[in-house]
PDB file of all heavy atoms in Angstrom:
ATOM      1  N   PRO A   1       0.815  -1.222   0.000  1.00  0.00           N
ATOM      2  CA  PRO A   1       0.000   0.000   0.000  1.00  0.00           C
ATOM      3  C   PRO A   1       0.851   1.276   0.000  1.00  0.00           C
ATOM      4  O   PRO A   1       1.938   1.315   0.577  1.00  0.00           O
ATOM      5  CB  PRO A   1      -0.787  -0.119   1.306  1.00  0.00           C
ATOM      6  CG  PRO A   1       0.117  -0.910   2.212  1.00  0.00           C
ATOM      7  CD  PRO A   1       0.892  -1.854   1.311  1.00  0.00           C
ATOM      8  N   PHE A   2       0.329   2.306  -0.668  1.00  0.00           N
ATOM      9  CA  PHE A   2       0.971   3.620  -0.734  1.00  0.00           C
ATOM     10  C   PHE A   2      -0.107   4.695  -0.647  1.00  0.00           C
ATOM     11  O   PHE A   2      -1.249   4.463  -1.050  1.00  0.00           O
ATOM     12  CB  PHE A   2       1.724   3.803  -2.064  1.00  0.00           C
ATOM     13  CG  PHE A   2       2.772   2.765  -2.322  1.00  0.00           C
ATOM     14  CD1 PHE A   2       2.475   1.629  -3.051  1.00  0.00           C
ATOM     15  CD2 PHE A   2       4.056   2.931  -1.834  1.00  0.00           C
ATOM     16  CE1 PHE A   2       3.438   0.660  -3.297  1.00  0.00           C
ATOM     17  CE2 PHE A   2       5.031   1.963  -2.079  1.00  0.00           C
ATOM     18  CZ  PHE A   2       4.719   0.825  -2.811  1.00  0.00           C
ATOM     19  N   THR A   3       0.255   5.859  -0.147  1.00  0.00           N
ATOM     20  CA  THR A   3      -0.626   7.018  -0.178  1.00  0.00           C
ATOM     21  C   THR A   3       0.197   8.223  -0.617  1.00  0.00           C
ATOM     22  O   THR A   3       1.198   8.558   0.024  1.00  0.00           O
ATOM     23  CB  THR A   3      -1.266   7.312   1.201  1.00  0.00           C
ATOM     24  OG1 THR A   3      -2.019   6.172   1.605  1.00  0.00           O
ATOM     25  CG2 THR A   3      -2.177   8.527   1.134  1.00  0.00           C
ATOM     26  N   TYR A   4      -0.222   8.823  -1.716  1.00  0.00           N
ATOM     27  CA  TYR A   4       0.420  10.035  -2.239  1.00  0.00           C
ATOM     28  C   TYR A   4      -0.674  10.957  -2.748  1.00  0.00           C
ATOM     29  O   TYR A   4      -1.855  10.622  -2.696  1.00  0.00           O
ATOM     30  CB  TYR A   4       1.404   9.692  -3.369  1.00  0.00           C
ATOM     31  CG  TYR A   4       2.673   9.040  -2.884  1.00  0.00           C
ATOM     32  CD1 TYR A   4       2.835   7.664  -2.956  1.00  0.00           C
ATOM     33  CD2 TYR A   4       3.704   9.799  -2.340  1.00  0.00           C
ATOM     34  CE1 TYR A   4       3.995   7.058  -2.499  1.00  0.00           C
ATOM     35  CE2 TYR A   4       4.861   9.205  -1.880  1.00  0.00           C
ATOM     36  CZ  TYR A   4       5.004   7.835  -1.964  1.00  0.00           C
ATOM     37  OH  TYR A   4       6.158   7.247  -1.507  1.00  0.00           O
ATOM     38  N   CYS A   5      -0.292  12.109  -3.280  1.00  0.00           N
ATOM     39  CA  CYS A   5      -1.269  13.054  -3.829  1.00  0.00           C
ATOM     40  C   CYS A   5      -1.152  13.136  -5.337  1.00  0.00           C
ATOM     41  O   CYS A   5      -0.055  13.042  -5.892  1.00  0.00           O
ATOM     42  CB  CYS A   5      -1.058  14.457  -3.244  1.00  0.00           C
ATOM     43  SG  CYS A   5      -1.665  14.603  -1.572  1.00  0.00           S
ATOM     44  N   THR A   6      -2.294  13.336  -5.960  1.00  0.00           N
ATOM     45  CA  THR A   6      -2.278  13.565  -7.393  1.00  0.00           C
ATOM     46  C   THR A   6      -1.783  14.978  -7.659  1.00  0.00           C
ATOM     47  O   THR A   6      -1.901  15.859  -6.802  1.00  0.00           O
ATOM     48  CB  THR A   6      -3.676  13.405  -8.017  1.00  0.00           C
ATOM     49  OG1 THR A   6      -4.553  14.371  -7.438  1.00  0.00           O
ATOM     50  CG2 THR A   6      -4.228  12.009  -7.823  1.00  0.00           C
ATOM     51  N   HIS A   7      -1.249  15.180  -8.815  1.00  0.00           N
ATOM     52  CA  HIS A   7      -0.851  16.511  -9.275  1.00  0.00           C
ATOM     53  C   HIS A   7      -1.888  17.020 -10.274  1.00  0.00           C
ATOM     54  O   HIS A   7      -2.238  18.187 -10.281  1.00  0.00           O
ATOM     55  CB  HIS A   7       0.532  16.450  -9.924  1.00  0.00           C
ATOM     56  CG  HIS A   7       1.009  17.750 -10.469  1.00  0.00           C
ATOM     57  ND1 HIS A   7       1.443  18.765  -9.657  1.00  0.00           N
ATOM     58  CD2 HIS A   7       1.102  18.207 -11.729  1.00  0.00           C
ATOM     59  CE1 HIS A   7       1.786  19.795 -10.407  1.00  0.00           C
ATOM     60  NE2 HIS A   7       1.590  19.482 -11.672  1.00  0.00           N
ATOM     61  N   ASN A   8      -2.358  16.093 -11.111  1.00  0.00           N
ATOM     62  CA  ASN A   8      -3.434  16.417 -12.034  1.00  0.00           C
ATOM     63  C   ASN A   8      -4.220  15.149 -12.323  1.00  0.00           C
ATOM     64  O   ASN A   8      -3.781  14.050 -12.008  1.00  0.00           O
ATOM     65  CB  ASN A   8      -2.912  17.073 -13.318  1.00  0.00           C
ATOM     66  CG  ASN A   8      -1.946  16.210 -14.075  1.00  0.00           C
ATOM     67  OD1 ASN A   8      -2.160  15.026 -14.276  1.00  0.00           O
ATOM     68  ND2 ASN A   8      -0.845  16.806 -14.518  1.00  0.00           N
ATOM     69  N   LEU A   9      -5.396  15.351 -12.925  1.00  0.00           N
ATOM     70  CA  LEU A   9      -6.327  14.251 -13.095  1.00  0.00           C
ATOM     71  C   LEU A   9      -7.150  14.488 -14.339  1.00  0.00           C
ATOM     72  O   LEU A   9      -7.483  15.639 -14.662  1.00  0.00           O
ATOM     73  CB  LEU A   9      -7.233  14.219 -11.858  1.00  0.00           C
ATOM     74  CG  LEU A   9      -8.138  13.053 -11.593  1.00  0.00           C
ATOM     75  CD1 LEU A   9      -7.346  11.782 -11.341  1.00  0.00           C
ATOM     76  CD2 LEU A   9      -9.004  13.363 -10.382  1.00  0.00           C
ATOM     77  N   SER A  10      -7.460  13.423 -15.056  1.00  0.00           N
ATOM     78  CA  SER A  10      -8.394  13.492 -16.173  1.00  0.00           C
ATOM     79  C   SER A  10      -9.319  12.293 -16.076  1.00  0.00           C
ATOM     80  O   SER A  10      -9.178  11.451 -15.189  1.00  0.00           O
ATOM     81  CB  SER A  10      -7.656  13.491 -17.519  1.00  0.00           C
ATOM     82  OG  SER A  10      -7.233  12.191 -17.851  1.00  0.00           O
ATOM     83  N   LYS A  11     -10.237  12.188 -17.010  1.00  0.00           N
ATOM     84  CA  LYS A  11     -11.140  11.038 -17.017  1.00  0.00           C
ATOM     85  C   LYS A  11     -10.384   9.741 -17.281  1.00  0.00           C
ATOM     86  O   LYS A  11     -10.822   8.678 -16.888  1.00  0.00           O
ATOM     87  CB  LYS A  11     -12.220  11.222 -18.087  1.00  0.00           C
ATOM     88  CG  LYS A  11     -13.209  12.322 -17.762  1.00  0.00           C
ATOM     89  CD  LYS A  11     -14.226  12.482 -18.856  1.00  0.00           C
ATOM     90  CE  LYS A  11     -15.177  11.316 -18.828  1.00  0.00           C
ATOM     91  NZ  LYS A  11     -16.381  11.500 -19.623  1.00  0.00           N
ATOM     92  N   SER A  12      -9.226   9.842 -17.936  1.00  0.00           N
ATOM     93  CA  SER A  12      -8.517   8.631 -18.339  1.00  0.00           C
ATOM     94  C   SER A  12      -7.210   8.365 -17.588  1.00  0.00           C
ATOM     95  O   SER A  12      -6.601   7.326 -17.777  1.00  0.00           O
ATOM     96  CB  SER A  12      -8.221   8.677 -19.834  1.00  0.00           C
ATOM     97  OG  SER A  12      -7.403   9.796 -20.139  1.00  0.00           O
ATOM     98  N   GLY A  13      -6.791   9.291 -16.730  1.00  0.00           N
ATOM     99  CA  GLY A  13      -5.532   9.060 -16.035  1.00  0.00           C
ATOM    100  C   GLY A  13      -5.191  10.143 -15.034  1.00  0.00           C
ATOM    101  O   GLY A  13      -5.953  11.092 -14.841  1.00  0.00           O
ATOM    102  N   ALA A  14      -4.040   9.991 -14.420  1.00  0.00           N
ATOM    103  CA  ALA A  14      -3.597  10.946 -13.403  1.00  0.00           C
ATOM    104  C   ALA A  14      -2.081  10.950 -13.343  1.00  0.00           C
ATOM    105  O   ALA A  14      -1.416  10.008 -13.770  1.00  0.00           O
ATOM    106  CB  ALA A  14      -4.158  10.568 -12.037  1.00  0.00           C
ATOM    107  N   TYR A  15      -1.553  12.036 -12.796  1.00  0.00           N
ATOM    108  CA  TYR A  15      -0.140  12.101 -12.456  1.00  0.00           C
ATOM    109  C   TYR A  15      -0.084  12.147 -10.937  1.00  0.00           C
ATOM    110  O   TYR A  15      -0.716  12.993 -10.302  1.00  0.00           O
ATOM    111  CB  TYR A  15       0.523  13.337 -13.060  1.00  0.00           C
ATOM    112  CG  TYR A  15       2.006  13.376 -12.770  1.00  0.00           C
ATOM    113  CD1 TYR A  15       2.887  12.618 -13.522  1.00  0.00           C
ATOM    114  CD2 TYR A  15       2.510  14.136 -11.729  1.00  0.00           C
ATOM    115  CE1 TYR A  15       4.250  12.628 -13.258  1.00  0.00           C
ATOM    116  CE2 TYR A  15       3.863  14.153 -11.453  1.00  0.00           C
ATOM    117  CZ  TYR A  15       4.727  13.400 -12.214  1.00  0.00           C
ATOM    118  OH  TYR A  15       6.068  13.400 -11.943  1.00  0.00           O
ATOM    119  N   ILE A  16       0.638  11.212 -10.351  1.00  0.00           N
ATOM    120  CA  ILE A  16       0.736  11.096  -8.896  1.00  0.00           C
ATOM    121  C   ILE A  16       2.155  11.455  -8.476  1.00  0.00           C
ATOM    122  O   ILE A  16       3.123  10.881  -8.965  1.00  0.00           O
ATOM    123  CB  ILE A  16       0.399   9.660  -8.441  1.00  0.00           C
ATOM    124  CG1 ILE A  16      -1.023   9.287  -8.897  1.00  0.00           C
ATOM    125  CG2 ILE A  16       0.553   9.525  -6.932  1.00  0.00           C
ATOM    126  CD1 ILE A  16      -1.357   7.808  -8.726  1.00  0.00           C
ATOM    127  N   GLU A  17       2.247  12.434  -7.582  1.00  0.00           N
ATOM    128  CA  GLU A  17       3.551  12.858  -7.077  1.00  0.00           C
ATOM    129  C   GLU A  17       4.047  11.817  -6.080  1.00  0.00           C
ATOM    130  O   GLU A  17       3.322  11.432  -5.161  1.00  0.00           O
ATOM    131  CB  GLU A  17       3.448  14.223  -6.414  1.00  0.00           C
ATOM    132  CG  GLU A  17       3.069  15.316  -7.384  1.00  0.00           C
ATOM    133  CD  GLU A  17       2.810  16.649  -6.706  1.00  0.00           C
ATOM    134  OE1 GLU A  17       2.435  16.671  -5.512  1.00  0.00           O
ATOM    135  OE2 GLU A  17       2.973  17.678  -7.381  1.00  0.00           O
ATOM    136  N   THR A  18       5.267  11.345  -6.269  1.00  0.00           N
ATOM    137  CA  THR A  18       5.852  10.359  -5.372  1.00  0.00           C
ATOM    138  C   THR A  18       7.376  10.499  -5.375  1.00  0.00           C
ATOM    139  O   THR A  18       7.956  10.898  -6.376  1.00  0.00           O
ATOM    140  CB  THR A  18       5.452   8.920  -5.771  1.00  0.00           C
ATOM    141  OG1 THR A  18       6.179   7.991  -4.964  1.00  0.00           O
ATOM    142  CG2 THR A  18       5.727   8.630  -7.222  1.00  0.00           C
ATOM    143  N   ASP A  19       7.962  10.184  -4.257  1.00  0.00           N
ATOM    144  CA  ASP A  19       9.419  10.234  -4.167  1.00  0.00           C
ATOM    145  C   ASP A  19      10.041   8.844  -4.334  1.00  0.00           C
ATOM    146  O   ASP A  19      11.248   8.682  -4.255  1.00  0.00           O
ATOM    147  CB  ASP A  19       9.859  10.845  -2.835  1.00  0.00           C
ATOM    148  CG  ASP A  19       9.251  10.142  -1.635  1.00  0.00           C
ATOM    149  OD1 ASP A  19       8.389   9.251  -1.824  1.00  0.00           O
ATOM    150  OD2 ASP A  19       9.619  10.478  -0.503  1.00  0.00           O
ATOM    151  N   LEU A  20       9.208   7.839  -4.600  1.00  0.00           N
ATOM    152  CA  LEU A  20       9.704   6.482  -4.810  1.00  0.00           C
ATOM    153  C   LEU A  20       9.732   6.142  -6.297  1.00  0.00           C
ATOM    154  O   LEU A  20       8.850   6.559  -7.038  1.00  0.00           O
ATOM    155  CB  LEU A  20       8.808   5.468  -4.087  1.00  0.00           C
ATOM    156  CG  LEU A  20       8.791   5.533  -2.571  1.00  0.00           C
ATOM    157  CD1 LEU A  20       7.772   4.543  -2.015  1.00  0.00           C
ATOM    158  CD2 LEU A  20      10.177   5.223  -2.014  1.00  0.00           C
ATOM    159  N   PRO A  21      10.697   5.345  -6.709  1.00  0.00           N
ATOM    160  CA  PRO A  21      10.712   4.919  -8.114  1.00  0.00           C
ATOM    161  C   PRO A  21       9.751   3.746  -8.324  1.00  0.00           C
ATOM    162  O   PRO A  21       9.677   2.834  -7.501  1.00  0.00           O
ATOM    163  CB  PRO A  21      12.159   4.482  -8.328  1.00  0.00           C
ATOM    164  CG  PRO A  21      12.613   4.031  -6.977  1.00  0.00           C
ATOM    165  CD  PRO A  21      11.877   4.896  -5.979  1.00  0.00           C
ATOM    166  N   PHE A  22       8.995   3.798  -9.392  1.00  0.00           N
ATOM    167  CA  PHE A  22       8.102   2.705  -9.753  1.00  0.00           C
ATOM    168  C   PHE A  22       8.403   2.307 -11.194  1.00  0.00           C
ATOM    169  O   PHE A  22       8.924   3.108 -11.972  1.00  0.00           O
ATOM    170  CB  PHE A  22       6.635   3.144  -9.640  1.00  0.00           C
ATOM    171  CG  PHE A  22       6.174   3.350  -8.228  1.00  0.00           C
ATOM    172  CD1 PHE A  22       6.156   4.624  -7.671  1.00  0.00           C
ATOM    173  CD2 PHE A  22       5.750   2.277  -7.459  1.00  0.00           C
ATOM    174  CE1 PHE A  22       5.723   4.821  -6.371  1.00  0.00           C
ATOM    175  CE2 PHE A  22       5.325   2.469  -6.147  1.00  0.00           C
ATOM    176  CZ  PHE A  22       5.304   3.746  -5.607  1.00  0.00           C
ATOM    177  N   LEU A  23       8.039   1.097 -11.549  1.00  0.00           N
ATOM    178  CA  LEU A  23       8.274   0.592 -12.893  1.00  0.00           C
ATOM    179  C   LEU A  23       7.057   0.840 -13.778  1.00  0.00           C
ATOM    180  O   LEU A  23       5.919   0.690 -13.324  1.00  0.00           O
ATOM    181  CB  LEU A  23       8.567  -0.916 -12.861  1.00  0.00           C
ATOM    182  CG  LEU A  23       9.804  -1.342 -12.089  1.00  0.00           C
ATOM    183  CD1 LEU A  23       9.882  -2.861 -12.019  1.00  0.00           C
ATOM    184  CD2 LEU A  23      11.058  -0.775 -12.738  1.00  0.00           C
ATOM    185  N   THR A  24       7.306   1.187 -15.027  1.00  0.00           N
ATOM    186  CA  THR A  24       6.196   1.334 -15.959  1.00  0.00           C
ATOM    187  C   THR A  24       5.562  -0.034 -16.209  1.00  0.00           C
ATOM    188  O   THR A  24       6.175  -1.066 -15.988  1.00  0.00           O
ATOM    189  CB  THR A  24       6.650   1.948 -17.304  1.00  0.00           C
ATOM    190  OG1 THR A  24       7.674   1.140 -17.850  1.00  0.00           O
ATOM    191  CG2 THR A  24       7.128   3.370 -17.132  1.00  0.00           C
ATOM    192  N   HIS A  25       4.336   0.004 -16.646  1.00  0.00           N
ATOM    193  CA  HIS A  25       3.513  -1.167 -16.980  1.00  0.00           C
ATOM    194  C   HIS A  25       3.001  -1.921 -15.763  1.00  0.00           C
ATOM    195  O   HIS A  25       2.309  -2.918 -15.913  1.00  0.00           O
ATOM    196  CB  HIS A  25       4.241  -2.130 -17.930  1.00  0.00           C
ATOM    197  CG  HIS A  25       4.769  -1.455 -19.154  1.00  0.00           C
ATOM    198  ND1 HIS A  25       3.949  -0.906 -20.114  1.00  0.00           N
ATOM    199  CD2 HIS A  25       6.031  -1.203 -19.560  1.00  0.00           C
ATOM    200  CE1 HIS A  25       4.675  -0.366 -21.057  1.00  0.00           C
ATOM    201  NE2 HIS A  25       5.949  -0.521 -20.747  1.00  0.00           N
ATOM    202  N   LYS A  26       3.336  -1.476 -14.547  1.00  0.00           N
ATOM    203  CA  LYS A  26       2.813  -2.130 -13.351  1.00  0.00           C
ATOM    204  C   LYS A  26       1.347  -1.759 -13.178  1.00  0.00           C
ATOM    205  O   LYS A  26       0.945  -0.621 -13.396  1.00  0.00           O
ATOM    206  CB  LYS A  26       3.584  -1.698 -12.098  1.00  0.00           C
ATOM    207  CG  LYS A  26       4.931  -2.337 -11.958  1.00  0.00           C
ATOM    208  CD  LYS A  26       4.809  -3.816 -11.783  1.00  0.00           C
ATOM    209  CE  LYS A  26       5.599  -4.322 -10.630  1.00  0.00           C
ATOM    210  NZ  LYS A  26       5.393  -5.738 -10.396  1.00  0.00           N
TER     211      LYS A  26
END
C-alpha cells in the first residue's frame, strides 16, 4: 500500500507525485 497526492487528473488518467521509483507497466 501507498498514499500520495495527485498533481493532475483526467477522465482517463492521473499524475501522482511520489518520491519512490516505480516501474512502468505495473
